Structures are given as C-alpha cells and as structure tokens.
C-alpha atoms as a PDB file:
ATOM      1  CA  UNK A   1       0.000   0.000   0.000  1.00  0.00           C
ATOM      2  CA  UNK A   2       1.522   3.320  -1.017  1.00  0.00           C
ATOM      3  CA  UNK A   3       1.349   6.333   1.334  1.00  0.00           C
ATOM      4  CA  UNK A   4      -0.926   8.134  -1.163  1.00  0.00           C
ATOM      5  CA  UNK A   5      -3.397   5.237  -1.155  1.00  0.00           C
ATOM      6  CA  UNK A   6      -3.447   5.155   2.645  1.00  0.00           C
ATOM      7  CA  UNK A   7      -4.362   8.838   2.753  1.00  0.00           C
ATOM      8  CA  UNK A   8      -7.286   8.261   0.405  1.00  0.00           C
ATOM      9  CA  UNK A   9      -8.406   5.181   2.318  1.00  0.00           C
ATOM     10  CA  UNK A  10      -8.213   7.068   5.609  1.00  0.00           C
ATOM     11  CA  UNK A  11     -10.198  10.119   4.449  1.00  0.00           C
ATOM     12  CA  UNK A  12     -13.689   8.509   4.684  1.00  0.00           C
ATOM     13  CA  UNK A  13     -12.807   7.073   8.096  1.00  0.00           C
ATOM     14  CA  UNK A  14     -11.700  10.487   9.370  1.00  0.00           C
ATOM     15  CA  UNK A  15     -14.848  12.103   7.931  1.00  0.00           C
ATOM     16  CA  UNK A  16     -17.016   9.558   9.743  1.00  0.00           C
ATOM     17  CA  UNK A  17     -15.119  10.226  12.977  1.00  0.00           C
ATOM     18  CA  UNK A  18     -15.650  13.960  12.585  1.00  0.00           C
ATOM     19  CA  UNK A  19     -19.387  13.431  12.155  1.00  0.00           C
ATOM     20  CA  UNK A  20     -19.544  11.123  15.158  1.00  0.00           C
ATOM     21  CA  UNK A  21     -17.462  13.519  17.247  1.00  0.00           C
ATOM     22  CA  UNK A  22     -20.207  16.106  16.746  1.00  0.00           C
ATOM     23  CA  UNK A  23     -22.534  13.728  18.598  1.00  0.00           C
ATOM     24  CA  UNK A  24     -20.151  13.160  21.481  1.00  0.00           C
ATOM     25  CA  UNK A  25     -21.441  13.861  24.953  1.00  0.00           C
ATOM     26  CA  UNK A  26     -18.110  14.227  26.672  1.00  0.00           C
ATOM     27  CA  UNK A  27     -14.353  14.392  26.512  1.00  0.00           C
ATOM     28  CA  UNK A  28     -11.653  12.641  28.442  1.00  0.00           C
ATOM     29  CA  UNK A  29      -8.114  11.439  28.621  1.00  0.00           C
ATOM     30  CA  UNK A  30      -6.695   8.096  29.653  1.00  0.00           C
ATOM     31  CA  UNK A  31      -3.290   6.763  30.563  1.00  0.00           C
ATOM     32  CA  UNK A  32      -2.313   3.136  29.962  1.00  0.00           C
ATOM     33  CA  UNK A  33      -1.465   1.196  33.118  1.00  0.00           C
ATOM     34  CA  UNK A  34      -0.254  -1.792  31.115  1.00  0.00           C
ATOM     35  CA  UNK A  35      -1.177  -3.185  27.668  1.00  0.00           C
ATOM     36  CA  UNK A  36      -4.944  -3.279  27.238  1.00  0.00           C
ATOM     37  CA  UNK A  37      -5.843  -1.529  30.526  1.00  0.00           C
ATOM     38  CA  UNK A  38      -6.033   2.207  31.159  1.00  0.00           C
ATOM     39  CA  UNK A  39      -7.248   4.656  33.779  1.00  0.00           C
ATOM     40  CA  UNK A  40      -8.948   7.827  32.670  1.00  0.00           C
ATOM     41  CA  UNK A  41     -10.862  10.924  33.637  1.00  0.00           C
ATOM     42  CA  UNK A  42     -13.594  12.589  31.623  1.00  0.00           C
ATOM     43  CA  UNK A  43     -16.320  15.212  31.738  1.00  0.00           C
ATOM     44  CA  UNK A  44     -19.718  14.792  30.096  1.00  0.00           C
ATOM     45  CA  UNK A  45     -22.008  17.463  28.690  1.00  0.00           C
ATOM     46  CA  UNK A  46     -23.929  17.555  31.982  1.00  0.00           C
ATOM     47  CA  UNK A  47     -20.792  18.512  33.904  1.00  0.00           C
ATOM     48  CA  UNK A  48     -20.281  15.152  35.604  1.00  0.00           C
ATOM     49  CA  UNK A  49     -16.642  14.251  36.192  1.00  0.00           C
ATOM     50  CA  UNK A  50     -15.951  10.535  35.896  1.00  0.00           C
ATOM     51  CA  UNK A  51     -12.895   8.513  36.923  1.00  0.00           C
ATOM     52  CA  UNK A  52     -12.777   5.156  35.202  1.00  0.00           C
ATOM     53  CA  UNK A  53     -10.893   1.994  34.412  1.00  0.00           C
ATOM     54  CA  UNK A  54     -11.158   0.523  30.934  1.00  0.00           C
ATOM     55  CA  UNK A  55      -9.915  -2.298  28.786  1.00  0.00           C
ATOM     56  CA  UNK A  56     -10.128  -3.041  25.117  1.00  0.00           C
ATOM     57  CA  UNK A  57      -9.101  -5.316  22.320  1.00  0.00           C
ATOM     58  CA  UNK A  58      -8.849  -3.778  18.881  1.00  0.00           C
ATOM     59  CA  UNK A  59     -11.679  -1.316  18.355  1.00  0.00           C
ATOM     60  CA  UNK A  60     -13.900  -2.733  21.147  1.00  0.00           C
ATOM     61  CA  UNK A  61     -13.671  -1.512  24.725  1.00  0.00           C
ATOM     62  CA  UNK A  62     -15.459  -1.814  28.051  1.00  0.00           C
ATOM     63  CA  UNK A  63     -15.068   0.077  31.275  1.00  0.00           C
ATOM     64  CA  UNK A  64     -16.408   1.032  34.664  1.00  0.00           C
ATOM     65  CA  UNK A  65     -16.257   4.411  36.350  1.00  0.00           C
ATOM     66  CA  UNK A  66     -17.492   6.536  39.248  1.00  0.00           C
ATOM     67  CA  UNK A  67     -18.577  10.181  39.211  1.00  0.00           C
ATOM     68  CA  UNK A  68     -18.450  12.898  41.865  1.00  0.00           C
ATOM     69  CA  UNK A  69     -21.913  11.889  43.185  1.00  0.00           C
ATOM     70  CA  UNK A  70     -20.813   8.284  43.786  1.00  0.00           C
ATOM     71  CA  UNK A  71     -22.744   6.827  40.864  1.00  0.00           C
ATOM     72  CA  UNK A  72     -21.008   3.805  39.377  1.00  0.00           C
ATOM     73  CA  UNK A  73     -21.496   3.275  35.663  1.00  0.00           C
ATOM     74  CA  UNK A  74     -20.458   0.649  33.139  1.00  0.00           C
ATOM     75  CA  UNK A  75     -20.188   0.957  29.403  1.00  0.00           C
ATOM     76  CA  UNK A  76     -19.060  -0.592  26.162  1.00  0.00           C
ATOM     77  CA  UNK A  77     -18.169   0.921  22.836  1.00  0.00           C
ATOM     78  CA  UNK A  78     -16.301   0.781  19.586  1.00  0.00           C
ATOM     79  CA  UNK A  79     -13.957   3.388  18.178  1.00  0.00           C
ATOM     80  CA  UNK A  80     -11.011   4.321  16.040  1.00  0.00           C
ATOM     81  CA  UNK A  81      -7.878   6.301  16.743  1.00  0.00           C
ATOM     82  CA  UNK A  82      -4.775   7.560  15.041  1.00  0.00           C
ATOM     83  CA  UNK A  83      -1.324   8.444  16.293  1.00  0.00           C
ATOM     84  CA  UNK A  84      -0.514  12.151  16.612  1.00  0.00           C
ATOM     85  CA  UNK A  85       3.133  11.846  17.605  1.00  0.00           C
ATOM     86  CA  UNK A  86       5.065  11.249  20.769  1.00  0.00           C
ATOM     87  CA  UNK A  87       3.096   8.061  21.466  1.00  0.00           C
ATOM     88  CA  UNK A  88      -0.175  10.004  21.863  1.00  0.00           C
ATOM     89  CA  UNK A  89      -3.385   9.003  20.060  1.00  0.00           C
ATOM     90  CA  UNK A  90      -6.604  10.835  19.237  1.00  0.00           C
ATOM     91  CA  UNK A  91      -9.814   8.990  18.501  1.00  0.00           C
ATOM     92  CA  UNK A  92     -13.581   8.962  18.359  1.00  0.00           C
ATOM     93  CA  UNK A  93     -16.138   6.286  19.022  1.00  0.00           C
ATOM     94  CA  UNK A  94     -19.688   5.384  19.899  1.00  0.00           C
ATOM     95  CA  UNK A  95     -20.929   3.373  22.820  1.00  0.00           C
ATOM     96  CA  UNK A  96     -23.550   2.852  25.441  1.00  0.00           C
ATOM     97  CA  UNK A  97     -23.467   2.948  29.200  1.00  0.00           C
ATOM     98  CA  UNK A  98     -25.681   2.707  32.233  1.00  0.00           C
ATOM     99  CA  UNK A  99     -25.599   3.515  35.928  1.00  0.00           C
ATOM    100  CA  UNK A 100     -25.206   0.247  37.829  1.00  0.00           C
ATOM    101  CA  UNK A 101     -25.201   1.764  41.322  1.00  0.00           C
ATOM    102  CA  UNK A 102     -26.615   5.047  42.591  1.00  0.00           C
ATOM    103  CA  UNK A 103     -26.137   5.775  46.312  1.00  0.00           C
ATOM    104  CA  UNK A 104     -29.067   8.203  46.286  1.00  0.00           C
ATOM    105  CA  UNK A 105     -31.616   5.846  44.758  1.00  0.00           C
ATOM    106  CA  UNK A 106     -34.230   4.474  47.087  1.00  0.00           C
ATOM    107  CA  UNK A 107     -33.348   1.020  48.399  1.00  0.00           C
ATOM    108  CA  UNK A 108     -35.562  -1.829  47.297  1.00  0.00           C
ATOM    109  CA  UNK A 109     -38.451  -2.340  49.694  1.00  0.00           C
ATOM    110  CA  UNK A 110     -39.632  -5.833  50.529  1.00  0.00           C
ATOM    111  CA  UNK A 111     -43.321  -6.497  50.110  1.00  0.00           C
ATOM    112  CA  UNK A 112     -45.214  -6.518  53.412  1.00  0.00           C
ATOM    113  CA  UNK A 113     -45.757  -9.962  54.932  1.00  0.00           C
ATOM    114  CA  UNK A 114     -49.093 -10.942  56.394  1.00  0.00           C
END
C-alpha cells in the first residue's frame, strides 16, 4: 500500500469520525497502566466528572467508572484512533453505558408480609 493510497483510504474514516465527534457527549483522557488496561478521567455534557478503568481489544472496549456523586457506571463501545506523535493518540467512538449503582436511589423495599 503506497502512502498516497493510505491517505485516500483514511479520508472517509476520518470524515465519519468527525461526524460522530459532533454527537459526542463528553471528553476525556486516559493513561495506559499496562497493555490493554487504562485509567482515565472525563467530563460529560452535563458537567459530571468521571474517573474510570477501561480495557479493550482492537476497536472494542469496556469500562467502569465513578462520578463525583458516587454513581457507578459501566459501558461498552467501539472506536477508532490515530497516532498524533510522541506516542499520543486521538480517537472517536460510539458506545452505550448505564448507571449500575446510585447511592441516592431508594433502596428496594420488601413487600409486606401478612
């Protein structure tokens, strides 16, 4: 593959990432702890700060995190990235997540026994 061909092949991928980045609901940064596992911090559009631990193989990743209100969330996604020099990478992706524990939610109440 010649460098010119790679640029043309990468252009649609970068365009798709730019479109998806417009839909992003947050930004963050992560630091690898060891291959395949990283710790990161991010801020979503609602102002929540989240500290998380993630892992991934290829374009697929999963993670768990906690925000400043003690809510624990889990998520999974798929994304792409490219090197920008100095070992750093920039990427975009899509995913889904959910709160798996909320300390302020009402505890489950047992049904009354008669």
